[in-house]
Amino acid sequence: MADSKFINQQIIIDRRPLWILLFERLRRYIILALFFGIFALFLTQEGPSGLSPEGYKVLCLFFLCVSLWSTNLIPLSITSLLAIAAVPLLGIMEASKAYSYFGNKAVFFILGVFILSASMIACGLSTRISIWVMEHWGETPGRLVSSTYFFAGISSCFMSEHAVAVILFPIIHEIIQSLNLKRDNSVFAKSMYFAMAWGCIIGGAMTVLGG
């Protein structure tokens, strides 16, 4: 019955030229490439007389952001981050001075932490690492907590404890999710997070390289 319905369905063939079909599918990317190409072309030109090179770059960046905002080719949040990052990248202003107008530098650090952690979860890297950790150190809960603590402490002796926490957080999150534990009620879940936190704090204070 299902096969007969499938056979009786009418198949519609799009007979338009191939370049039109490709343009419709890749239209967003083509327009984006066109916008950035025009932006790069204007950056190579000299600005009007009486306008400083930095002011001319700001003007070009302004029209690029307005074009992206009006067409909504990329999400508005991505366009906003692009505008913030482009100011120091184009040499318009120093990074510390440019970011100070948008808030404290700690805000951008926390934002970067969330972006890095989310990317590790989205690409599946945290899942792969959590499976490997469970296979080698997941025999008992105490051993898993101890390995988290010592890894965080030793790593924080040679690199920033914030970077270590960024690396460990999505891995611990995946382990807790795979065990179907609730972070609010599970003692083991809280122990894993506390082991990561205290390992990073103690390791960062042990050497000059840490912290």
N, C-alpha and C. Protein backbone atom coordinates (compact mmCIF):
# COMPACT_ATOMS: atom_id res chain seq x y z
N MET A 1 0.83 -1.21 0.00
CA MET A 1 0.00 0.00 0.00
C MET A 1 0.86 1.25 0.00
N ALA A 2 1.87 1.23 0.85
CA ALA A 2 2.76 2.38 0.92
C ALA A 2 3.58 2.52 -0.35
N ASP A 3 3.96 1.35 -0.96
CA ASP A 3 4.75 1.40 -2.19
C ASP A 3 3.93 1.98 -3.33
N SER A 4 2.64 1.63 -3.39
CA SER A 4 1.79 2.15 -4.47
C SER A 4 1.59 3.66 -4.35
N LYS A 5 1.46 4.15 -3.11
CA LYS A 5 1.35 5.59 -2.92
C LYS A 5 2.61 6.30 -3.36
N PHE A 6 3.77 5.68 -3.07
CA PHE A 6 5.04 6.29 -3.46
C PHE A 6 5.19 6.32 -4.97
N ILE A 7 4.70 5.26 -5.65
CA ILE A 7 4.83 5.19 -7.11
C ILE A 7 3.92 6.22 -7.77
N ASN A 8 2.72 6.42 -7.19
CA ASN A 8 1.75 7.34 -7.79
C ASN A 8 2.08 8.81 -7.55
N GLN A 9 3.06 9.09 -6.69
CA GLN A 9 3.42 10.48 -6.45
C GLN A 9 4.06 11.09 -7.70
N GLN A 10 3.71 12.32 -7.95
CA GLN A 10 4.23 13.02 -9.11
C GLN A 10 5.60 13.60 -8.81
N ILE A 11 6.57 13.33 -9.64
CA ILE A 11 7.93 13.83 -9.48
C ILE A 11 8.07 15.12 -10.29
N ILE A 12 8.44 16.18 -9.60
CA ILE A 12 8.60 17.48 -10.25
C ILE A 12 10.08 17.73 -10.49
N ILE A 13 10.43 18.00 -11.73
CA ILE A 13 11.81 18.25 -12.12
C ILE A 13 11.99 19.74 -12.39
N ASP A 14 12.94 20.33 -11.73
CA ASP A 14 13.25 21.74 -11.94
C ASP A 14 14.14 21.86 -13.17
N ARG A 15 13.63 22.49 -14.21
CA ARG A 15 14.34 22.57 -15.48
C ARG A 15 15.05 23.92 -15.67
N ARG A 16 15.19 24.68 -14.61
CA ARG A 16 15.91 25.94 -14.72
C ARG A 16 17.39 25.68 -14.93
N PRO A 17 18.13 26.65 -15.48
CA PRO A 17 19.58 26.45 -15.68
C PRO A 17 20.29 26.17 -14.36
N LEU A 18 21.40 25.44 -14.49
CA LEU A 18 22.13 25.02 -13.30
C LEU A 18 22.69 26.21 -12.53
N TRP A 19 23.11 27.26 -13.22
CA TRP A 19 23.71 28.39 -12.52
C TRP A 19 22.68 29.13 -11.67
N ILE A 20 21.41 29.10 -12.08
CA ILE A 20 20.37 29.72 -11.26
C ILE A 20 20.13 28.90 -9.99
N LEU A 21 20.13 27.58 -10.13
CA LEU A 21 19.94 26.72 -8.96
C LEU A 21 21.09 26.88 -7.97
N LEU A 22 22.31 26.95 -8.51
CA LEU A 22 23.47 27.13 -7.63
C LEU A 22 23.44 28.49 -6.95
N PHE A 23 23.00 29.50 -7.69
CA PHE A 23 22.95 30.83 -7.10
C PHE A 23 21.91 30.88 -5.97
N GLU A 24 20.77 30.24 -6.15
CA GLU A 24 19.75 30.24 -5.09
C GLU A 24 20.24 29.52 -3.85
N ARG A 25 20.99 28.44 -4.06
CA ARG A 25 21.49 27.68 -2.90
C ARG A 25 22.64 28.41 -2.21
N LEU A 26 23.49 29.04 -2.99
CA LEU A 26 24.68 29.70 -2.43
C LEU A 26 24.54 31.21 -2.38
N ARG A 27 23.31 31.71 -2.46
CA ARG A 27 23.10 33.16 -2.54
C ARG A 27 23.64 33.88 -1.31
N ARG A 28 23.41 33.32 -0.14
CA ARG A 28 23.87 33.96 1.09
C ARG A 28 25.39 34.10 1.10
N TYR A 29 26.08 33.02 0.71
CA TYR A 29 27.55 33.05 0.73
C TYR A 29 28.10 33.97 -0.35
N ILE A 30 27.44 34.01 -1.49
CA ILE A 30 27.90 34.89 -2.57
C ILE A 30 27.77 36.35 -2.17
N ILE A 31 26.65 36.71 -1.55
CA ILE A 31 26.46 38.10 -1.13
C ILE A 31 27.43 38.46 -0.01
N LEU A 32 27.67 37.51 0.91
CA LEU A 32 28.66 37.75 1.97
C LEU A 32 30.04 37.99 1.39
N ALA A 33 30.43 37.14 0.43
CA ALA A 33 31.74 37.32 -0.21
C ALA A 33 31.81 38.66 -0.94
N LEU A 34 30.70 39.06 -1.54
CA LEU A 34 30.66 40.35 -2.25
C LEU A 34 30.82 41.51 -1.27
N PHE A 35 30.13 41.45 -0.14
CA PHE A 35 30.24 42.51 0.86
C PHE A 35 31.67 42.64 1.38
N PHE A 36 32.25 41.51 1.76
CA PHE A 36 33.61 41.55 2.31
C PHE A 36 34.64 41.91 1.24
N GLY A 37 34.38 41.52 -0.01
CA GLY A 37 35.28 41.91 -1.08
C GLY A 37 35.27 43.41 -1.32
N ILE A 38 34.08 44.00 -1.32
CA ILE A 38 33.97 45.46 -1.47
C ILE A 38 34.61 46.17 -0.27
N PHE A 39 34.40 45.60 0.92
CA PHE A 39 35.01 46.18 2.12
C PHE A 39 36.53 46.17 2.03
N ALA A 40 37.10 45.04 1.58
CA ALA A 40 38.56 44.95 1.44
C ALA A 40 39.06 45.89 0.35
N LEU A 41 38.27 46.05 -0.72
CA LEU A 41 38.67 46.95 -1.80
C LEU A 41 38.71 48.39 -1.33
N PHE A 42 37.73 48.81 -0.56
CA PHE A 42 37.70 50.18 -0.06
C PHE A 42 38.82 50.43 0.94
N LEU A 43 39.21 49.40 1.69
CA LEU A 43 40.31 49.58 2.64
C LEU A 43 41.64 49.85 1.95
N THR A 44 41.78 49.35 0.72
CA THR A 44 43.03 49.59 -0.01
C THR A 44 43.09 50.98 -0.63
N GLN A 45 41.96 51.68 -0.66
CA GLN A 45 41.92 53.02 -1.24
C GLN A 45 42.24 54.07 -0.18
N GLU A 46 42.61 55.24 -0.64
CA GLU A 46 42.86 56.36 0.26
C GLU A 46 41.55 57.06 0.60
N GLY A 47 41.45 57.51 1.84
CA GLY A 47 40.25 58.19 2.28
C GLY A 47 40.17 59.62 1.78
N PRO A 48 39.06 60.28 1.98
CA PRO A 48 38.91 61.69 1.57
C PRO A 48 39.90 62.58 2.31
N SER A 49 40.20 63.69 1.71
CA SER A 49 41.13 64.63 2.35
C SER A 49 40.50 65.20 3.62
N GLY A 50 41.33 65.32 4.63
CA GLY A 50 40.85 65.81 5.91
C GLY A 50 40.38 64.72 6.85
N LEU A 51 40.34 63.48 6.35
CA LEU A 51 39.92 62.35 7.18
C LEU A 51 41.12 61.47 7.45
N SER A 52 41.37 61.15 8.69
CA SER A 52 42.52 60.33 9.06
C SER A 52 42.33 58.90 8.55
N PRO A 53 43.44 58.14 8.38
CA PRO A 53 43.30 56.74 7.95
C PRO A 53 42.45 55.91 8.90
N GLU A 54 42.58 56.16 10.20
CA GLU A 54 41.77 55.42 11.17
C GLU A 54 40.29 55.76 11.01
N GLY A 55 40.00 57.04 10.79
CA GLY A 55 38.61 57.45 10.58
C GLY A 55 38.02 56.84 9.32
N TYR A 56 38.84 56.73 8.26
CA TYR A 56 38.36 56.12 7.02
C TYR A 56 38.05 54.64 7.22
N LYS A 57 38.90 53.94 8.00
CA LYS A 57 38.65 52.53 8.28
C LYS A 57 37.37 52.35 9.11
N VAL A 58 37.16 53.25 10.06
CA VAL A 58 35.93 53.19 10.86
C VAL A 58 34.71 53.40 9.98
N LEU A 59 34.80 54.31 9.03
CA LEU A 59 33.68 54.56 8.12
C LEU A 59 33.38 53.33 7.26
N CYS A 60 34.43 52.68 6.76
CA CYS A 60 34.24 51.46 5.97
C CYS A 60 33.62 50.35 6.82
N LEU A 61 34.11 50.22 8.04
CA LEU A 61 33.57 49.20 8.95
C LEU A 61 32.12 49.49 9.29
N PHE A 62 31.79 50.76 9.43
CA PHE A 62 30.40 51.14 9.73
C PHE A 62 29.45 50.71 8.61
N PHE A 63 29.82 50.99 7.36
CA PHE A 63 28.96 50.62 6.24
C PHE A 63 28.87 49.10 6.08
N LEU A 64 29.95 48.38 6.40
CA LEU A 64 29.90 46.92 6.35
C LEU A 64 28.91 46.38 7.37
N CYS A 65 28.98 46.89 8.59
CA CYS A 65 28.07 46.42 9.65
C CYS A 65 26.62 46.79 9.34
N VAL A 66 26.40 47.98 8.80
CA VAL A 66 25.04 48.38 8.43
C VAL A 66 24.49 47.46 7.34
N SER A 67 25.34 47.10 6.38
CA SER A 67 24.91 46.20 5.31
C SER A 67 24.56 44.82 5.86
N LEU A 68 25.38 44.31 6.78
CA LEU A 68 25.11 43.00 7.37
C LEU A 68 23.88 43.04 8.26
N TRP A 69 23.70 44.12 8.98
CA TRP A 69 22.51 44.24 9.84
C TRP A 69 21.23 44.35 9.01
N SER A 70 21.26 45.12 7.95
CA SER A 70 20.05 45.34 7.15
C SER A 70 19.65 44.10 6.36
N THR A 71 20.62 43.34 5.87
CA THR A 71 20.32 42.14 5.10
C THR A 71 20.15 40.90 5.98
N ASN A 72 20.66 40.95 7.22
CA ASN A 72 20.56 39.82 8.15
C ASN A 72 21.15 38.54 7.55
N LEU A 73 22.25 38.69 6.82
CA LEU A 73 22.91 37.52 6.25
C LEU A 73 23.52 36.63 7.32
N ILE A 74 24.00 37.23 8.38
CA ILE A 74 24.51 36.50 9.53
C ILE A 74 23.78 37.02 10.76
N PRO A 75 23.72 36.25 11.84
CA PRO A 75 23.01 36.72 13.04
C PRO A 75 23.55 38.05 13.54
N LEU A 76 22.66 38.83 14.12
CA LEU A 76 23.04 40.17 14.59
C LEU A 76 24.13 40.10 15.66
N SER A 77 24.09 39.06 16.50
CA SER A 77 25.12 38.93 17.53
C SER A 77 26.50 38.71 16.93
N ILE A 78 26.56 37.94 15.84
CA ILE A 78 27.85 37.70 15.18
C ILE A 78 28.37 38.99 14.55
N THR A 79 27.48 39.76 13.95
CA THR A 79 27.88 41.04 13.38
C THR A 79 28.40 41.99 14.45
N SER A 80 27.76 41.99 15.60
CA SER A 80 28.21 42.86 16.70
C SER A 80 29.60 42.47 17.18
N LEU A 81 29.83 41.16 17.34
CA LEU A 81 31.17 40.70 17.75
C LEU A 81 32.21 41.00 16.68
N LEU A 82 31.80 40.90 15.41
CA LEU A 82 32.72 41.22 14.32
C LEU A 82 33.13 42.68 14.37
N ALA A 83 32.19 43.57 14.65
CA ALA A 83 32.51 44.99 14.74
C ALA A 83 33.47 45.28 15.88
N ILE A 84 33.26 44.60 17.02
CA ILE A 84 34.15 44.82 18.17
C ILE A 84 35.56 44.31 17.87
N ALA A 85 35.64 43.13 17.26
CA ALA A 85 36.95 42.53 17.00
C ALA A 85 37.69 43.24 15.87
N ALA A 86 36.95 43.81 14.92
CA ALA A 86 37.60 44.43 13.76
C ALA A 86 38.31 45.73 14.11
N VAL A 87 37.87 46.41 15.15
CA VAL A 87 38.50 47.69 15.51
C VAL A 87 39.98 47.52 15.83
N PRO A 88 40.40 46.61 16.71
CA PRO A 88 41.84 46.43 16.93
C PRO A 88 42.53 45.69 15.79
N LEU A 89 41.81 44.78 15.10
CA LEU A 89 42.44 44.03 14.02
C LEU A 89 42.82 44.93 12.85
N LEU A 90 42.06 45.96 12.61
CA LEU A 90 42.35 46.89 11.52
C LEU A 90 43.33 47.98 11.93
N GLY A 91 43.80 47.95 13.16
CA GLY A 91 44.74 48.95 13.62
C GLY A 91 44.11 50.30 13.92
N ILE A 92 42.81 50.32 14.09
CA ILE A 92 42.13 51.58 14.39
C ILE A 92 42.44 52.04 15.81
N MET A 93 42.50 51.08 16.73
CA MET A 93 42.71 51.39 18.14
C MET A 93 43.30 50.16 18.81
N GLU A 94 44.03 50.36 19.89
CA GLU A 94 44.56 49.24 20.63
C GLU A 94 43.43 48.41 21.23
N ALA A 95 43.70 47.10 21.37
CA ALA A 95 42.65 46.20 21.81
C ALA A 95 42.13 46.56 23.20
N SER A 96 43.04 46.84 24.13
CA SER A 96 42.61 47.15 25.49
C SER A 96 41.75 48.42 25.54
N LYS A 97 42.13 49.41 24.74
CA LYS A 97 41.37 50.66 24.72
C LYS A 97 40.03 50.48 24.01
N ALA A 98 40.04 49.68 22.94
CA ALA A 98 38.79 49.48 22.19
C ALA A 98 37.77 48.70 23.01
N TYR A 99 38.24 47.65 23.69
CA TYR A 99 37.31 46.83 24.47
C TYR A 99 36.82 47.56 25.72
N SER A 100 37.59 48.54 26.19
CA SER A 100 37.18 49.26 27.40
C SER A 100 35.89 50.05 27.18
N TYR A 101 35.60 50.41 25.93
CA TYR A 101 34.36 51.15 25.65
C TYR A 101 33.13 50.25 25.68
N PHE A 102 33.34 48.94 25.57
CA PHE A 102 32.23 48.00 25.55
C PHE A 102 32.04 47.30 26.89
N GLY A 103 32.89 47.56 27.86
CA GLY A 103 32.76 46.93 29.16
C GLY A 103 34.12 46.49 29.68
N ASN A 104 34.11 45.87 30.84
CA ASN A 104 35.34 45.39 31.47
C ASN A 104 35.92 44.23 30.67
N LYS A 105 37.25 44.09 30.71
CA LYS A 105 37.89 43.02 29.96
C LYS A 105 37.51 41.64 30.50
N ALA A 106 37.08 41.57 31.76
CA ALA A 106 36.64 40.28 32.30
C ALA A 106 35.40 39.77 31.59
N VAL A 107 34.57 40.69 31.09
CA VAL A 107 33.37 40.29 30.35
C VAL A 107 33.76 39.54 29.08
N PHE A 108 34.77 40.03 28.38
CA PHE A 108 35.20 39.38 27.15
C PHE A 108 35.90 38.06 27.45
N PHE A 109 36.58 37.98 28.58
CA PHE A 109 37.19 36.71 28.95
C PHE A 109 36.12 35.65 29.21
N ILE A 110 35.08 36.02 29.96
CA ILE A 110 34.00 35.08 30.24
C ILE A 110 33.27 34.70 28.95
N LEU A 111 33.09 35.68 28.06
CA LEU A 111 32.46 35.40 26.78
C LEU A 111 33.28 34.41 25.97
N GLY A 112 34.61 34.59 25.96
CA GLY A 112 35.47 33.66 25.26
C GLY A 112 35.44 32.27 25.87
N VAL A 113 35.34 32.20 27.20
CA VAL A 113 35.25 30.91 27.88
C VAL A 113 34.01 30.16 27.43
N PHE A 114 32.88 30.84 27.39
CA PHE A 114 31.64 30.19 26.98
C PHE A 114 31.68 29.77 25.52
N ILE A 115 32.29 30.58 24.66
CA ILE A 115 32.38 30.24 23.25
C ILE A 115 33.25 29.00 23.06
N LEU A 116 34.40 28.95 23.76
CA LEU A 116 35.29 27.80 23.64
C LEU A 116 34.64 26.54 24.19
N SER A 117 33.98 26.64 25.34
CA SER A 117 33.31 25.47 25.91
C SER A 117 32.18 24.99 25.02
N ALA A 118 31.40 25.92 24.48
CA ALA A 118 30.29 25.53 23.61
C ALA A 118 30.78 24.87 22.33
N SER A 119 31.90 25.36 21.80
CA SER A 119 32.45 24.75 20.58
C SER A 119 32.96 23.34 20.84
N MET A 120 33.56 23.11 22.01
CA MET A 120 34.01 21.76 22.36
C MET A 120 32.84 20.80 22.49
N ILE A 121 31.72 21.28 23.03
CA ILE A 121 30.54 20.43 23.16
C ILE A 121 29.89 20.20 21.79
N ALA A 122 29.81 21.25 20.97
CA ALA A 122 29.12 21.15 19.68
C ALA A 122 29.84 20.22 18.71
N CYS A 123 31.17 20.27 18.70
CA CYS A 123 31.92 19.44 17.76
C CYS A 123 32.12 18.01 18.25
N GLY A 124 31.72 17.71 19.49
CA GLY A 124 31.84 16.35 20.01
C GLY A 124 33.18 16.03 20.64
N LEU A 125 34.08 17.02 20.73
CA LEU A 125 35.39 16.77 21.31
C LEU A 125 35.28 16.43 22.79
N SER A 126 34.41 17.13 23.51
CA SER A 126 34.26 16.85 24.94
C SER A 126 33.70 15.45 25.17
N THR A 127 32.83 14.98 24.28
CA THR A 127 32.28 13.63 24.41
C THR A 127 33.36 12.58 24.23
N ARG A 128 34.22 12.76 23.23
CA ARG A 128 35.30 11.81 22.99
C ARG A 128 36.26 11.75 24.17
N ILE A 129 36.62 12.91 24.68
CA ILE A 129 37.56 12.94 25.81
C ILE A 129 36.92 12.35 27.06
N SER A 130 35.64 12.63 27.28
CA SER A 130 34.97 12.09 28.47
C SER A 130 34.87 10.57 28.41
N ILE A 131 34.65 10.01 27.21
CA ILE A 131 34.63 8.55 27.07
C ILE A 131 36.01 7.97 27.38
N TRP A 132 37.05 8.62 26.89
CA TRP A 132 38.42 8.15 27.16
C TRP A 132 38.74 8.23 28.65
N VAL A 133 38.30 9.30 29.30
CA VAL A 133 38.54 9.44 30.74
C VAL A 133 37.79 8.37 31.52
N MET A 134 36.55 8.10 31.13
CA MET A 134 35.76 7.08 31.82
C MET A 134 36.38 5.69 31.66
N GLU A 135 36.96 5.41 30.50
CA GLU A 135 37.57 4.10 30.27
C GLU A 135 38.82 3.90 31.10
N HIS A 136 39.60 4.96 31.33
CA HIS A 136 40.88 4.82 32.01
C HIS A 136 40.80 5.10 33.50
N TRP A 137 39.94 6.03 33.92
CA TRP A 137 39.91 6.40 35.34
C TRP A 137 38.51 6.31 35.95
N GLY A 138 37.59 5.69 35.24
CA GLY A 138 36.21 5.65 35.74
C GLY A 138 35.84 4.38 36.48
N GLU A 139 36.83 3.68 37.04
CA GLU A 139 36.51 2.44 37.75
C GLU A 139 35.70 2.71 39.01
N THR A 140 36.07 3.73 39.76
CA THR A 140 35.36 4.10 40.98
C THR A 140 35.12 5.61 40.98
N PRO A 141 34.09 6.08 41.67
CA PRO A 141 33.86 7.54 41.74
C PRO A 141 35.02 8.29 42.37
N GLY A 142 35.62 7.70 43.42
CA GLY A 142 36.74 8.37 44.08
C GLY A 142 37.93 8.54 43.16
N ARG A 143 38.19 7.53 42.35
CA ARG A 143 39.32 7.62 41.42
C ARG A 143 39.07 8.68 40.35
N LEU A 144 37.83 8.78 39.90
CA LEU A 144 37.51 9.77 38.88
C LEU A 144 37.63 11.19 39.44
N VAL A 145 37.15 11.40 40.66
CA VAL A 145 37.27 12.71 41.29
C VAL A 145 38.73 13.05 41.55
N SER A 146 39.51 12.07 42.01
CA SER A 146 40.93 12.32 42.29
C SER A 146 41.70 12.64 41.02
N SER A 147 41.40 11.92 39.94
CA SER A 147 42.09 12.20 38.67
C SER A 147 41.76 13.59 38.16
N THR A 148 40.51 14.02 38.34
CA THR A 148 40.13 15.38 37.94
C THR A 148 40.88 16.42 38.75
N TYR A 149 40.99 16.18 40.05
CA TYR A 149 41.67 17.12 40.94
C TYR A 149 43.15 17.23 40.59
N PHE A 150 43.82 16.09 40.42
CA PHE A 150 45.27 16.12 40.16
C PHE A 150 45.57 16.64 38.76
N PHE A 151 44.72 16.30 37.79
CA PHE A 151 44.95 16.83 36.44
C PHE A 151 44.80 18.34 36.42
N ALA A 152 43.77 18.85 37.09
CA ALA A 152 43.58 20.30 37.15
C ALA A 152 44.72 20.98 37.90
N GLY A 153 45.17 20.37 39.00
CA GLY A 153 46.25 20.97 39.78
C GLY A 153 47.57 20.98 39.05
N ILE A 154 47.93 19.85 38.44
CA ILE A 154 49.22 19.77 37.73
C ILE A 154 49.21 20.66 36.49
N SER A 155 48.12 20.67 35.75
CA SER A 155 48.05 21.50 34.54
C SER A 155 48.11 22.98 34.89
N SER A 156 47.49 23.37 36.01
CA SER A 156 47.49 24.78 36.40
C SER A 156 48.85 25.26 36.87
N CYS A 157 49.77 24.34 37.13
CA CYS A 157 51.13 24.75 37.50
C CYS A 157 51.90 25.31 36.32
N PHE A 158 51.51 24.95 35.11
CA PHE A 158 52.28 25.32 33.93
C PHE A 158 51.49 26.19 32.94
N MET A 159 50.20 26.38 33.18
CA MET A 159 49.39 27.23 32.32
C MET A 159 48.32 27.91 33.17
N SER A 160 47.63 28.84 32.58
CA SER A 160 46.61 29.60 33.33
C SER A 160 45.52 28.67 33.83
N GLU A 161 45.16 28.85 35.11
CA GLU A 161 44.10 27.99 35.67
C GLU A 161 42.75 28.24 35.00
N HIS A 162 42.58 29.44 34.45
CA HIS A 162 41.33 29.72 33.74
C HIS A 162 41.24 28.88 32.47
N ALA A 163 42.37 28.75 31.77
CA ALA A 163 42.38 27.92 30.56
C ALA A 163 42.14 26.46 30.90
N VAL A 164 42.71 25.99 32.01
CA VAL A 164 42.49 24.60 32.43
C VAL A 164 41.02 24.37 32.75
N ALA A 165 40.40 25.33 33.44
CA ALA A 165 38.98 25.20 33.76
C ALA A 165 38.12 25.18 32.50
N VAL A 166 38.50 25.98 31.50
CA VAL A 166 37.76 25.99 30.24
C VAL A 166 37.84 24.63 29.56
N ILE A 167 39.00 23.98 29.62
CA ILE A 167 39.17 22.68 28.99
C ILE A 167 38.41 21.60 29.75
N LEU A 168 38.45 21.65 31.08
CA LEU A 168 37.86 20.59 31.89
C LEU A 168 36.35 20.71 32.02
N PHE A 169 35.81 21.91 32.00
CA PHE A 169 34.38 22.09 32.27
C PHE A 169 33.49 21.29 31.31
N PRO A 170 33.66 21.40 29.98
CA PRO A 170 32.78 20.62 29.10
C PRO A 170 32.98 19.12 29.24
N ILE A 171 34.21 18.68 29.58
CA ILE A 171 34.45 17.25 29.77
C ILE A 171 33.70 16.74 30.98
N ILE A 172 33.79 17.46 32.10
CA ILE A 172 33.06 17.07 33.31
C ILE A 172 31.56 17.13 33.07
N HIS A 173 31.13 18.12 32.32
CA HIS A 173 29.70 18.24 32.00
C HIS A 173 29.21 17.02 31.23
N GLU A 174 30.00 16.54 30.26
CA GLU A 174 29.61 15.36 29.49
C GLU A 174 29.61 14.11 30.35
N ILE A 175 30.58 13.98 31.26
CA ILE A 175 30.62 12.81 32.15
C ILE A 175 29.38 12.77 33.03
N ILE A 176 29.00 13.91 33.58
CA ILE A 176 27.83 13.96 34.46
C ILE A 176 26.55 13.68 33.68
N GLN A 177 26.47 14.18 32.46
CA GLN A 177 25.29 13.90 31.65
C GLN A 177 25.21 12.43 31.25
N SER A 178 26.35 11.82 30.93
CA SER A 178 26.35 10.41 30.54
C SER A 178 25.94 9.50 31.69
N LEU A 179 26.18 9.92 32.92
CA LEU A 179 25.79 9.15 34.10
C LEU A 179 24.38 9.50 34.58
N ASN A 180 23.70 10.40 33.85
CA ASN A 180 22.33 10.82 34.20
C ASN A 180 22.25 11.37 35.63
N LEU A 181 23.20 12.21 35.97
CA LEU A 181 23.23 12.80 37.31
C LEU A 181 22.72 14.23 37.24
N LYS A 182 22.11 14.68 38.31
CA LYS A 182 21.66 16.06 38.43
C LYS A 182 22.68 16.85 39.25
N ARG A 183 23.09 17.97 38.71
CA ARG A 183 24.13 18.76 39.37
C ARG A 183 23.68 19.31 40.72
N ASP A 184 22.38 19.50 40.90
CA ASP A 184 21.89 20.09 42.14
C ASP A 184 21.80 19.07 43.28
N ASN A 185 21.47 17.82 42.94
CA ASN A 185 21.21 16.83 43.98
C ASN A 185 22.30 15.78 44.12
N SER A 186 23.15 15.62 43.12
CA SER A 186 24.16 14.56 43.15
C SER A 186 25.42 15.04 43.87
N VAL A 187 25.84 14.26 44.87
CA VAL A 187 27.08 14.58 45.59
C VAL A 187 28.28 14.37 44.68
N PHE A 188 28.22 13.32 43.85
CA PHE A 188 29.34 13.04 42.95
C PHE A 188 29.51 14.16 41.92
N ALA A 189 28.40 14.67 41.38
CA ALA A 189 28.49 15.77 40.41
C ALA A 189 29.11 17.01 41.04
N LYS A 190 28.69 17.33 42.26
CA LYS A 190 29.28 18.48 42.95
C LYS A 190 30.76 18.24 43.24
N SER A 191 31.12 16.99 43.58
CA SER A 191 32.52 16.68 43.87
C SER A 191 33.39 16.87 42.64
N MET A 192 32.87 16.53 41.47
CA MET A 192 33.64 16.70 40.24
C MET A 192 33.91 18.18 39.97
N TYR A 193 32.89 19.00 40.13
CA TYR A 193 33.08 20.44 39.90
C TYR A 193 34.00 21.07 40.95
N PHE A 194 33.85 20.65 42.20
CA PHE A 194 34.73 21.18 43.24
C PHE A 194 36.17 20.71 43.03
N ALA A 195 36.35 19.47 42.57
CA ALA A 195 37.71 18.98 42.29
C ALA A 195 38.37 19.79 41.19
N MET A 196 37.60 20.12 40.16
CA MET A 196 38.14 20.96 39.09
C MET A 196 38.49 22.35 39.61
N ALA A 197 37.59 22.94 40.39
CA ALA A 197 37.81 24.30 40.87
C ALA A 197 39.00 24.39 41.81
N TRP A 198 39.04 23.51 42.82
CA TRP A 198 40.13 23.57 43.79
C TRP A 198 41.46 23.13 43.18
N GLY A 199 41.42 22.21 42.25
CA GLY A 199 42.65 21.82 41.58
C GLY A 199 43.25 22.98 40.80
N CYS A 200 42.39 23.74 40.10
CA CYS A 200 42.87 24.90 39.35
C CYS A 200 43.38 26.00 40.28
N ILE A 201 42.68 26.22 41.40
CA ILE A 201 43.09 27.28 42.32
C ILE A 201 44.42 26.96 42.98
N ILE A 202 44.56 25.73 43.49
CA ILE A 202 45.80 25.35 44.18
C ILE A 202 46.96 25.25 43.20
N GLY A 203 46.72 24.67 42.03
CA GLY A 203 47.79 24.54 41.05
C GLY A 203 48.27 25.88 40.53
N GLY A 204 47.35 26.83 40.37
CA GLY A 204 47.74 28.15 39.88
C GLY A 204 48.57 28.93 40.86
N ALA A 205 48.46 28.62 42.16
CA ALA A 205 49.23 29.34 43.18
C ALA A 205 50.55 28.67 43.51
N MET A 206 50.82 27.50 42.93
CA MET A 206 52.03 26.76 43.29
C MET A 206 53.27 27.27 42.58
N THR A 207 53.12 27.70 41.34
CA THR A 207 54.28 28.14 40.55
C THR A 207 54.04 29.52 39.98
N VAL A 208 55.12 30.12 39.48
CA VAL A 208 55.02 31.45 38.86
C VAL A 208 54.34 31.34 37.49
N LEU A 209 54.52 30.19 36.82
CA LEU A 209 53.92 30.02 35.50
C LEU A 209 52.41 29.95 35.57
N GLY A 210 51.88 29.40 36.65
CA GLY A 210 50.43 29.32 36.80
C GLY A 210 49.83 30.67 37.14
N GLY A 211 48.50 30.69 37.16
CA GLY A 211 47.83 31.94 37.52
C GLY A 211 47.57 32.84 36.35
